N, C-alpha and C. Protein backbone atom coordinates (compact mmCIF):
# COMPACT_ATOMS: atom_id res chain seq x y z
N MET A 1 118.63 107.80 114.48
CA MET A 1 117.43 107.65 113.74
C MET A 1 116.61 106.98 114.87
N LEU A 2 115.45 107.50 114.90
CA LEU A 2 114.22 107.34 115.65
C LEU A 2 113.62 106.08 115.74
N THR A 3 113.54 105.00 116.28
CA THR A 3 113.03 103.67 116.09
C THR A 3 111.96 103.60 116.86
N ASP A 4 110.85 102.37 116.30
CA ASP A 4 109.70 102.17 116.70
C ASP A 4 109.77 101.93 118.47
N THR A 5 110.86 101.37 118.89
CA THR A 5 110.96 101.00 120.21
C THR A 5 111.34 102.20 121.03
N ASP A 6 112.03 103.07 120.38
CA ASP A 6 112.18 104.65 121.26
C ASP A 6 110.86 105.11 121.13
N ILE A 7 110.01 105.16 120.33
CA ILE A 7 108.73 106.13 120.57
C ILE A 7 107.84 105.22 121.46
N LYS A 8 107.85 103.98 121.37
CA LYS A 8 107.09 103.05 122.40
C LYS A 8 107.56 103.50 123.93
N GLU A 9 108.73 103.60 124.13
CA GLU A 9 109.24 104.09 125.56
C GLU A 9 108.83 105.42 125.88
N MET A 10 108.82 106.49 124.85
CA MET A 10 108.57 107.89 125.28
C MET A 10 107.21 107.91 125.14
N ALA A 11 106.33 107.23 124.56
CA ALA A 11 104.75 107.53 124.70
C ALA A 11 104.12 107.74 125.74
N PRO A 12 104.33 107.12 126.93
CA PRO A 12 103.69 107.21 128.22
C PRO A 12 104.28 108.55 128.73
N GLN A 13 105.16 108.67 128.68
CA GLN A 13 105.98 110.10 129.21
C GLN A 13 105.19 111.33 128.68
N MET A 14 104.68 111.28 127.35
CA MET A 14 104.11 112.29 126.32
C MET A 14 102.86 112.29 126.67
N GLY A 15 102.12 111.17 127.43
CA GLY A 15 100.62 111.20 127.31
C GLY A 15 99.79 110.70 126.29
N LEU A 16 100.83 109.68 125.35
CA LEU A 16 100.00 109.16 124.30
C LEU A 16 99.85 107.69 124.46
N ASP A 17 98.20 107.66 124.21
CA ASP A 17 97.83 106.25 124.19
C ASP A 17 97.63 105.63 122.88
N LEU A 18 98.96 104.86 122.76
CA LEU A 18 99.19 104.28 121.36
C LEU A 18 98.28 102.96 121.11
N ALA A 19 97.69 102.87 119.81
CA ALA A 19 96.95 101.96 119.47
C ALA A 19 97.64 101.09 118.54
N TYR A 20 98.75 102.07 117.76
CA TYR A 20 99.43 101.58 116.67
C TYR A 20 100.85 102.03 116.39
N ILE A 21 101.94 101.44 115.97
CA ILE A 21 102.97 102.05 115.80
C ILE A 21 103.75 100.99 114.76
N GLY A 22 103.94 101.76 113.55
CA GLY A 22 104.61 100.87 112.50
C GLY A 22 104.39 101.31 111.08
N PHE A 23 104.83 100.58 110.23
CA PHE A 23 104.58 101.03 108.50
C PHE A 23 103.18 101.33 108.23
N LYS A 24 103.20 102.08 107.19
CA LYS A 24 101.76 102.71 106.78
C LYS A 24 101.05 101.72 106.05
N ASP A 25 101.60 100.65 105.38
CA ASP A 25 100.74 99.46 104.79
C ASP A 25 100.49 98.49 105.68
N ASN A 26 100.71 98.85 106.79
CA ASN A 26 100.18 97.84 107.92
C ASN A 26 99.18 98.40 109.13
N ILE A 27 98.65 99.72 108.94
CA ILE A 27 97.65 100.34 109.56
C ILE A 27 96.51 99.53 109.73
N PRO A 28 96.14 99.08 110.98
CA PRO A 28 94.91 98.42 111.12
C PRO A 28 93.83 98.85 110.46
N LYS A 29 92.80 98.01 110.20
CA LYS A 29 91.54 98.27 109.30
C LYS A 29 90.82 99.03 110.46
N ARG A 30 90.70 98.52 111.73
CA ARG A 30 89.74 99.25 112.46
C ARG A 30 90.29 100.15 113.09
N ILE A 31 90.04 101.83 113.04
CA ILE A 31 90.74 102.51 113.56
C ILE A 31 90.08 103.13 114.87
N ARG A 32 90.25 102.90 116.10
CA ARG A 32 89.71 103.29 117.31
C ARG A 32 90.14 104.90 117.79
N SER A 33 88.87 105.41 118.17
CA SER A 33 88.86 106.86 118.36
C SER A 33 89.36 106.99 119.42
N ASN A 34 89.97 108.39 120.00
CA ASN A 34 90.73 108.72 121.32
C ASN A 34 92.00 108.15 121.51
N LYS A 35 92.70 107.36 120.51
CA LYS A 35 93.94 106.55 120.56
C LYS A 35 94.56 107.17 119.40
N HIS A 36 96.28 106.97 119.73
CA HIS A 36 97.20 107.56 118.81
C HIS A 36 97.90 106.45 117.66
N TYR A 37 97.94 106.94 116.73
CA TYR A 37 98.75 106.16 115.78
C TYR A 37 99.98 106.55 115.14
N ILE A 38 101.05 106.18 115.42
CA ILE A 38 102.38 106.48 114.97
C ILE A 38 102.49 105.85 113.57
N ILE A 39 102.70 106.23 112.48
CA ILE A 39 103.12 105.78 111.14
C ILE A 39 104.21 105.87 110.60
N ASN A 40 105.12 105.16 109.99
CA ASN A 40 106.33 105.41 109.36
C ASN A 40 105.73 105.20 107.88
N LEU A 41 106.05 106.49 107.00
CA LEU A 41 105.71 106.81 105.85
C LEU A 41 106.30 105.63 104.92
N ASP A 42 107.28 105.02 105.11
CA ASP A 42 107.63 103.78 104.04
C ASP A 42 106.84 102.78 104.33
N ASN A 43 106.95 102.00 103.48
CA ASN A 43 106.00 100.48 103.64
C ASN A 43 107.13 99.44 104.37
N ALA A 44 106.58 98.42 104.71
CA ALA A 44 107.40 97.49 105.49
C ALA A 44 108.49 96.72 104.43
N PHE A 45 108.13 96.67 103.33
CA PHE A 45 108.77 95.78 102.50
C PHE A 45 109.16 96.72 101.06
N ASP A 46 110.32 96.78 100.38
CA ASP A 46 110.55 97.55 99.40
C ASP A 46 110.05 96.86 97.96
N THR A 47 110.24 97.20 96.95
CA THR A 47 109.72 96.45 95.76
C THR A 47 110.45 95.13 95.40
N GLU A 48 111.63 95.05 95.81
CA GLU A 48 112.44 93.65 95.95
C GLU A 48 112.19 92.76 96.98
N GLY A 49 111.06 93.05 97.93
CA GLY A 49 110.84 91.94 99.11
C GLY A 49 111.88 92.29 100.22
N GLN A 50 112.62 93.40 100.04
CA GLN A 50 113.71 93.35 101.33
C GLN A 50 112.90 94.30 102.27
N ARG A 51 113.03 94.26 103.63
CA ARG A 51 112.32 94.79 104.66
C ARG A 51 113.18 96.12 104.66
N ASN A 52 112.11 97.20 104.59
CA ASN A 52 112.81 98.69 104.74
C ASN A 52 113.12 98.90 106.26
N GLY A 53 113.77 100.17 106.43
CA GLY A 53 114.32 100.62 107.60
C GLY A 53 113.42 101.71 108.03
N GLY A 54 112.79 102.19 107.10
CA GLY A 54 111.76 103.48 107.60
C GLY A 54 112.56 104.52 107.09
N THR A 55 111.38 105.77 107.30
CA THR A 55 111.75 107.04 106.50
C THR A 55 111.33 108.17 107.53
N HIS A 56 110.07 108.43 107.48
CA HIS A 56 109.91 109.47 108.29
C HIS A 56 108.56 109.18 109.07
N TRP A 57 108.50 109.55 110.57
CA TRP A 57 107.18 109.42 111.46
C TRP A 57 106.25 110.02 111.38
N VAL A 58 105.10 110.10 111.22
CA VAL A 58 103.81 110.96 111.43
C VAL A 58 102.74 110.40 112.43
N CYS A 59 101.82 111.39 112.89
CA CYS A 59 101.06 110.61 113.87
C CYS A 59 99.44 111.01 113.46
N PHE A 60 98.57 110.43 113.93
CA PHE A 60 97.13 110.73 113.66
C PHE A 60 96.34 110.37 114.90
N GLN A 61 95.29 110.90 115.25
CA GLN A 61 94.23 110.46 116.25
C GLN A 61 93.05 111.00 115.63
N VAL A 62 91.98 110.02 115.81
CA VAL A 62 90.55 110.25 115.56
C VAL A 62 89.95 110.69 116.71
N VAL A 63 89.49 111.86 117.16
CA VAL A 63 88.98 112.59 118.40
C VAL A 63 87.37 112.27 118.21
N ARG A 64 86.77 111.56 119.11
CA ARG A 64 85.35 111.56 119.31
C ARG A 64 84.85 112.33 120.31
N TYR A 65 84.17 113.27 120.12
CA TYR A 65 83.63 114.31 120.87
C TYR A 65 82.41 113.69 121.80
N PRO A 66 82.18 114.49 123.03
CA PRO A 66 80.70 114.09 123.61
C PRO A 66 79.26 114.20 122.80
N ASN A 67 79.51 114.89 121.69
CA ASN A 67 78.44 114.92 120.94
C ASN A 67 78.57 113.71 119.79
N ASP A 68 79.32 112.86 119.91
CA ASP A 68 79.61 111.54 119.04
C ASP A 68 80.08 112.35 117.58
N LYS A 69 80.41 113.33 117.30
CA LYS A 69 81.12 113.64 116.06
C LYS A 69 82.56 113.35 116.03
N CYS A 70 82.94 112.79 115.17
CA CYS A 70 84.51 112.56 115.15
C CYS A 70 85.31 113.43 114.41
N GLU A 71 86.57 113.55 114.37
CA GLU A 71 87.45 114.58 113.84
C GLU A 71 88.79 113.73 113.75
N ALA A 72 89.52 113.71 112.58
CA ALA A 72 90.93 113.11 112.33
C ALA A 72 91.96 114.46 112.43
N ILE A 73 92.74 113.82 113.35
CA ILE A 73 94.04 115.10 113.48
C ILE A 73 95.10 114.57 113.04
N TYR A 74 96.03 115.18 112.06
CA TYR A 74 96.98 114.34 111.73
C TYR A 74 98.03 115.27 111.46
N PHE A 75 99.15 114.70 111.93
CA PHE A 75 100.49 115.81 112.32
C PHE A 75 101.98 115.36 111.41
N ASP A 76 102.15 116.06 110.39
CA ASP A 76 103.54 115.74 109.77
C ASP A 76 104.42 116.75 110.12
N SER A 77 105.44 116.56 110.53
CA SER A 77 106.67 117.85 110.99
C SER A 77 107.07 118.46 109.67
N TYR A 78 106.73 117.76 108.34
CA TYR A 78 107.10 118.54 107.30
C TYR A 78 105.75 119.37 106.61
N GLY A 79 104.96 119.04 107.02
CA GLY A 79 103.29 119.74 106.93
C GLY A 79 102.71 119.13 105.86
N PHE A 80 103.41 117.76 105.30
CA PHE A 80 102.46 117.36 104.12
C PHE A 80 100.99 116.92 104.49
N PRO A 81 100.34 116.73 103.65
CA PRO A 81 99.00 115.98 103.88
C PRO A 81 99.12 114.57 104.04
N PRO A 82 98.00 114.05 104.80
CA PRO A 82 98.22 112.60 104.92
C PRO A 82 98.39 111.67 103.63
N PRO A 83 98.85 110.51 103.52
CA PRO A 83 98.97 109.58 102.49
C PRO A 83 97.39 109.12 102.25
N GLU A 84 96.91 108.84 100.93
CA GLU A 84 95.83 108.18 100.63
C GLU A 84 95.61 107.00 101.56
N ILE A 85 96.35 106.15 101.90
CA ILE A 85 95.83 104.91 102.79
C ILE A 85 95.67 105.31 104.15
N ILE A 86 95.96 106.51 104.53
CA ILE A 86 95.58 106.93 105.81
C ILE A 86 94.19 107.56 105.78
N LYS A 87 93.95 108.52 104.72
CA LYS A 87 92.60 108.97 104.59
C LYS A 87 91.48 107.90 104.41
N LYS A 88 91.83 106.69 103.77
CA LYS A 88 90.94 105.83 103.71
C LYS A 88 90.68 105.14 104.93
N ARG A 89 91.77 105.03 105.83
CA ARG A 89 91.46 104.41 107.02
C ARG A 89 90.46 105.17 108.12
N VAL A 90 90.79 106.43 107.84
CA VAL A 90 89.94 107.53 108.90
C VAL A 90 88.92 107.85 108.19
């Protein structure tokens, strides 16, 4: 299973400028443009308060163009749309 540590080590080799890597319920309130966010679709803790191990990684980036227009780019290898928490932050 791919861990956040594995991803942090690979990110520079892939040219990713990571701003955040972690669980979806801990996404930063302020999303920075032209940075990459790698999110595990699990929450940090389950309903019983136990730490989750994670399930599936997705990635998004908010691109700011020279004309100051912004566009969110989201990637899920399963092809699913972004969860609501990501849509609200972006």
